[in-house]
Amino acid sequence: MSARRANGEDGCLDALASVGGVRMTEFWDRMRGRFGPAYAASVARDQVIRSLGDRTAHEALAAGEDPKVVWLAVCEHFEAPVRDRH
């Protein structure tokens, strides 16, 4: 298993990581910090979020949504404290 997959990133987003660079890295760092390494991948892959157009985080990122917008939508969906959102 690759380090990226072990850390919660799905292979289909590898191309986005090279495009978004720091933002994608920061998105995954925050996801792992909030949900843990294994659960972060599950949340991003399986949880449909209304404010992302009834898409998962993976789908929104793959469609070109800004990682910060996706992160804030995940936080809102899971009612993360405001201090943890930025």
Protein backbone atom coordinates (compact mmCIF):
# COMPACT_ATOMS: atom_id res chain seq x y z
CA MET A 1 0.00 0.00 0.00
CA SER A 2 1.36 3.40 -0.95
CA ALA A 3 2.05 6.03 1.69
CA ARG A 4 -0.64 8.23 0.16
CA ARG A 5 -3.29 5.53 0.40
CA ALA A 6 -2.19 4.59 3.90
CA ASN A 7 -2.60 8.22 4.88
CA GLY A 8 -6.12 8.45 3.53
CA GLU A 9 -5.73 9.72 -0.02
CA ASP A 10 -7.28 7.82 -2.85
CA GLY A 11 -5.22 7.19 -5.97
CA CYS A 12 -7.77 8.95 -8.18
CA LEU A 13 -6.79 12.25 -6.55
CA ASP A 14 -3.05 11.92 -7.22
CA ALA A 15 -3.26 14.22 -10.24
CA LEU A 16 -5.07 16.84 -8.17
CA ALA A 17 -2.32 16.77 -5.58
CA SER A 18 0.17 17.88 -8.20
CA VAL A 19 -2.17 20.63 -9.39
CA GLY A 20 -3.35 21.84 -5.99
CA GLY A 21 -0.02 21.17 -4.30
CA VAL A 22 -0.01 22.63 -0.82
CA ARG A 23 -3.78 22.99 -0.68
CA MET A 24 -4.38 19.29 -1.32
CA THR A 25 -1.67 18.36 1.17
CA GLU A 26 -3.19 20.65 3.75
CA PHE A 27 -6.67 19.26 3.06
CA TRP A 28 -5.50 15.69 3.73
CA ASP A 29 -3.47 16.74 6.77
CA ARG A 30 -6.58 18.35 8.22
CA MET A 31 -8.78 15.36 7.35
CA ARG A 32 -6.36 12.98 9.06
CA GLY A 33 -6.07 15.32 12.04
CA ARG A 34 -9.84 15.54 12.43
CA PHE A 35 -10.88 11.96 11.67
CA GLY A 36 -7.71 9.87 12.02
CA PRO A 37 -5.73 8.28 9.19
CA ALA A 38 -8.10 5.42 8.36
CA TYR A 39 -11.44 7.14 8.91
CA ALA A 40 -10.44 10.26 6.91
CA ALA A 41 -10.39 8.24 3.71
CA SER A 42 -13.77 6.72 4.49
CA VAL A 43 -15.34 10.11 5.23
CA ALA A 44 -13.98 11.60 2.01
CA ARG A 45 -15.07 8.62 -0.08
CA ASP A 46 -18.43 7.72 1.46
CA GLN A 47 -20.08 10.73 3.10
CA VAL A 48 -22.38 12.64 0.75
CA ILE A 49 -22.45 16.32 1.70
CA ARG A 50 -25.36 18.50 0.64
CA SER A 51 -23.36 21.74 0.47
CA LEU A 52 -21.01 20.06 -2.03
CA GLY A 53 -23.93 19.49 -4.38
CA ASP A 54 -24.80 16.12 -2.87
CA ARG A 55 -21.31 14.84 -3.63
CA THR A 56 -18.59 13.28 -1.53
CA ALA A 57 -15.38 15.18 -0.80
CA HIS A 58 -13.61 12.92 -3.31
CA GLU A 59 -16.16 13.72 -6.00
CA ALA A 60 -16.01 17.45 -5.31
CA LEU A 61 -12.20 17.50 -5.41
CA ALA A 62 -12.13 15.42 -8.58
CA ALA A 63 -14.55 17.93 -10.15
CA GLY A 64 -12.08 20.73 -9.39
CA GLU A 65 -13.64 22.19 -6.24
CA ASP A 66 -11.20 24.23 -4.15
CA PRO A 67 -9.84 22.00 -1.32
CA LYS A 68 -10.53 24.79 1.20
CA VAL A 69 -14.20 24.90 0.16
CA VAL A 70 -14.40 21.12 0.51
CA TRP A 71 -12.71 21.22 3.92
CA LEU A 72 -15.14 23.87 5.19
CA ALA A 73 -18.09 21.84 3.88
CA VAL A 74 -16.81 18.73 5.68
CA CYS A 75 -16.42 20.75 8.89
CA GLU A 76 -19.89 22.19 8.62
CA HIS A 77 -21.41 18.79 7.84
CA PHE A 78 -19.81 17.20 10.89
CA GLU A 79 -20.40 20.28 13.04
CA ALA A 80 -16.72 20.77 13.83
CA PRO A 81 -16.00 23.62 16.24
CA VAL A 82 -15.32 26.88 14.42
CA ARG A 83 -11.79 27.01 15.86
CA ASP A 84 -10.96 23.78 14.00
CA ARG A 85 -12.17 24.99 10.62
CA HIS A 86 -9.40 27.41 9.68
